[in-house]
Amino acid sequence: MKRLFDVTIAVILLIFLSIPILVLSILIKLTSKGSVLYWSERVGKNNSIFRMPIPVKVDYDLHYLKNRSFIFDLKILMSTLSNVVAGKGVTH
């Protein structure tokens, strides 16, 4: 019963919110240059620039939240420290 309720509410909200979202998207496109959706530019391997959409970033954040622990944080800090000391990703 809860699943049916959740799906019904989701469909109703999708129908009612699709028009305002479409209008806002058109207004953003008309008043701003670039994409309607936000893309984060990142520096990758060999200093190549790549775009990362928000859902990918959210996936990384969710992975961190699901696996968070003191040891995981230490691994991240040590990896960051190692990269900083080695100068990885630094352009001159």
C-alpha atoms as a PDB file:
ATOM      1  CA  MET A   1       0.000   0.000   0.000  1.00  0.00           C
ATOM      2  CA  LYS A   2       2.856   2.395   0.822  1.00  0.00           C
ATOM      3  CA  ARG A   3       4.512   1.699  -2.547  1.00  0.00           C
ATOM      4  CA  LEU A   4       1.290   2.569  -4.377  1.00  0.00           C
ATOM      5  CA  PHE A   5       0.973   5.780  -2.355  1.00  0.00           C
ATOM      6  CA  ASP A   6       4.615   6.744  -3.064  1.00  0.00           C
ATOM      7  CA  VAL A   7       4.294   6.109  -6.812  1.00  0.00           C
ATOM      8  CA  THR A   8       0.983   7.981  -7.009  1.00  0.00           C
ATOM      9  CA  ILE A   9       2.366  11.043  -5.207  1.00  0.00           C
ATOM     10  CA  ALA A  10       5.513  10.945  -7.351  1.00  0.00           C
ATOM     11  CA  VAL A  11       3.488  10.886 -10.586  1.00  0.00           C
ATOM     12  CA  ILE A  12       1.217  13.711  -9.405  1.00  0.00           C
ATOM     13  CA  LEU A  13       4.200  15.856  -8.399  1.00  0.00           C
ATOM     14  CA  LEU A  14       5.965  15.072 -11.675  1.00  0.00           C
ATOM     15  CA  ILE A  15       2.934  16.250 -13.638  1.00  0.00           C
ATOM     16  CA  PHE A  16       2.444  19.435 -11.607  1.00  0.00           C
ATOM     17  CA  LEU A  17       6.128  20.357 -11.426  1.00  0.00           C
ATOM     18  CA  SER A  18       7.047  19.613 -15.043  1.00  0.00           C
ATOM     19  CA  ILE A  19       5.551  22.890 -16.335  1.00  0.00           C
ATOM     20  CA  PRO A  20       7.397  25.181 -13.862  1.00  0.00           C
ATOM     21  CA  ILE A  21      10.635  23.253 -14.435  1.00  0.00           C
ATOM     22  CA  LEU A  22      10.236  23.630 -18.204  1.00  0.00           C
ATOM     23  CA  VAL A  23       9.506  27.369 -17.862  1.00  0.00           C
ATOM     24  CA  LEU A  24      12.518  27.882 -15.581  1.00  0.00           C
ATOM     25  CA  SER A  25      14.751  25.937 -17.963  1.00  0.00           C
ATOM     26  CA  ILE A  26      13.662  28.132 -20.881  1.00  0.00           C
ATOM     27  CA  LEU A  27      14.214  31.310 -18.830  1.00  0.00           C
ATOM     28  CA  ILE A  28      17.692  30.149 -17.799  1.00  0.00           C
ATOM     29  CA  LYS A  29      18.566  29.351 -21.413  1.00  0.00           C
ATOM     30  CA  LEU A  30      17.287  32.725 -22.642  1.00  0.00           C
ATOM     31  CA  THR A  31      19.046  34.803 -19.971  1.00  0.00           C
ATOM     32  CA  SER A  32      22.310  32.880 -19.518  1.00  0.00           C
ATOM     33  CA  LYS A  33      24.924  31.493 -21.820  1.00  0.00           C
ATOM     34  CA  GLY A  34      25.881  27.892 -21.457  1.00  0.00           C
ATOM     35  CA  SER A  35      23.989  24.826 -20.390  1.00  0.00           C
ATOM     36  CA  VAL A  36      20.802  24.764 -18.340  1.00  0.00           C
ATOM     37  CA  LEU A  37      22.276  21.988 -16.200  1.00  0.00           C
ATOM     38  CA  TYR A  38      25.342  22.607 -14.027  1.00  0.00           C
ATOM     39  CA  TRP A  39      28.549  20.836 -15.034  1.00  0.00           C
ATOM     40  CA  SER A  40      31.587  20.985 -12.811  1.00  0.00           C
ATOM     41  CA  GLU A  41      34.908  21.261 -14.642  1.00  0.00           C
ATOM     42  CA  ARG A  42      37.631  19.193 -13.030  1.00  0.00           C
ATOM     43  CA  VAL A  43      41.304  18.615 -13.702  1.00  0.00           C
ATOM     44  CA  GLY A  44      42.055  14.993 -14.427  1.00  0.00           C
ATOM     45  CA  LYS A  45      45.048  12.845 -15.269  1.00  0.00           C
ATOM     46  CA  ASN A  46      47.785  14.660 -17.194  1.00  0.00           C
ATOM     47  CA  ASN A  47      46.058  17.973 -16.419  1.00  0.00           C
ATOM     48  CA  SER A  48      43.229  17.265 -18.848  1.00  0.00           C
ATOM     49  CA  ILE A  49      39.982  19.084 -18.136  1.00  0.00           C
ATOM     50  CA  PHE A  50      36.798  17.042 -17.958  1.00  0.00           C
ATOM     51  CA  ARG A  51      33.222  17.827 -17.002  1.00  0.00           C
ATOM     52  CA  MET A  52      31.513  16.121 -14.116  1.00  0.00           C
ATOM     53  CA  PRO A  53      27.728  16.354 -13.889  1.00  0.00           C
ATOM     54  CA  ILE A  54      26.127  16.729 -10.487  1.00  0.00           C
ATOM     55  CA  PRO A  55      24.796  13.109 -10.393  1.00  0.00           C
ATOM     56  CA  VAL A  56      28.370  11.776 -10.629  1.00  0.00           C
ATOM     57  CA  LYS A  57      29.487  14.011  -7.779  1.00  0.00           C
ATOM     58  CA  VAL A  58      26.485  12.884  -5.761  1.00  0.00           C
ATOM     59  CA  ASP A  59      27.480   9.257  -6.400  1.00  0.00           C
ATOM     60  CA  TYR A  60      30.914   9.970  -4.911  1.00  0.00           C
ATOM     61  CA  ASP A  61      29.316  11.705  -1.928  1.00  0.00           C
ATOM     62  CA  LEU A  62      26.928   8.794  -1.378  1.00  0.00           C
ATOM     63  CA  HIS A  63      29.823   6.326  -1.599  1.00  0.00           C
ATOM     64  CA  TYR A  64      31.604   8.311   1.101  1.00  0.00           C
ATOM     65  CA  LEU A  65      28.506   8.385   3.321  1.00  0.00           C
ATOM     66  CA  LYS A  66      27.892   4.659   2.952  1.00  0.00           C
ATOM     67  CA  ASN A  67      31.517   3.803   3.733  1.00  0.00           C
ATOM     68  CA  ARG A  68      32.373   6.485   6.242  1.00  0.00           C
ATOM     69  CA  SER A  69      34.606   5.457   9.049  1.00  0.00           C
ATOM     70  CA  PHE A  70      37.657   6.731  10.834  1.00  0.00           C
ATOM     71  CA  ILE A  71      39.892   4.418   8.759  1.00  0.00           C
ATOM     72  CA  PHE A  72      38.301   5.558   5.483  1.00  0.00           C
ATOM     73  CA  ASP A  73      38.864   9.195   6.477  1.00  0.00           C
ATOM     74  CA  LEU A  74      42.496   8.420   7.297  1.00  0.00           C
ATOM     75  CA  LYS A  75      42.940   6.782   3.878  1.00  0.00           C
ATOM     76  CA  ILE A  76      41.512   9.877   2.175  1.00  0.00           C
ATOM     77  CA  LEU A  77      43.718  12.215   4.227  1.00  0.00           C
ATOM     78  CA  MET A  78      46.848  10.147   3.565  1.00  0.00           C
ATOM     79  CA  SER A  79      46.085   9.977  -0.154  1.00  0.00           C
ATOM     80  CA  THR A  80      45.530  13.737  -0.246  1.00  0.00           C
ATOM     81  CA  LEU A  81      48.726  14.423   1.697  1.00  0.00           C
ATOM     82  CA  SER A  82      50.680  12.105  -0.604  1.00  0.00           C
ATOM     83  CA  ASN A  83      49.333  13.866  -3.700  1.00  0.00           C
ATOM     84  CA  VAL A  84      50.106  17.311  -2.269  1.00  0.00           C
ATOM     85  CA  VAL A  85      53.676  16.374  -1.313  1.00  0.00           C
ATOM     86  CA  ALA A  86      54.265  14.732  -4.700  1.00  0.00           C
ATOM     87  CA  GLY A  87      52.748  17.690  -6.509  1.00  0.00           C
ATOM     88  CA  LYS A  88      50.298  15.545  -8.433  1.00  0.00           C
ATOM     89  CA  GLY A  89      47.834  17.572 -10.493  1.00  0.00           C
ATOM     90  CA  VAL A  90      49.797  20.807 -10.139  1.00  0.00           C
ATOM     91  CA  THR A  91      50.303  22.938 -13.217  1.00  0.00           C
ATOM     92  CA  HIS A  92      53.147  25.412 -13.424  1.00  0.00           C
END
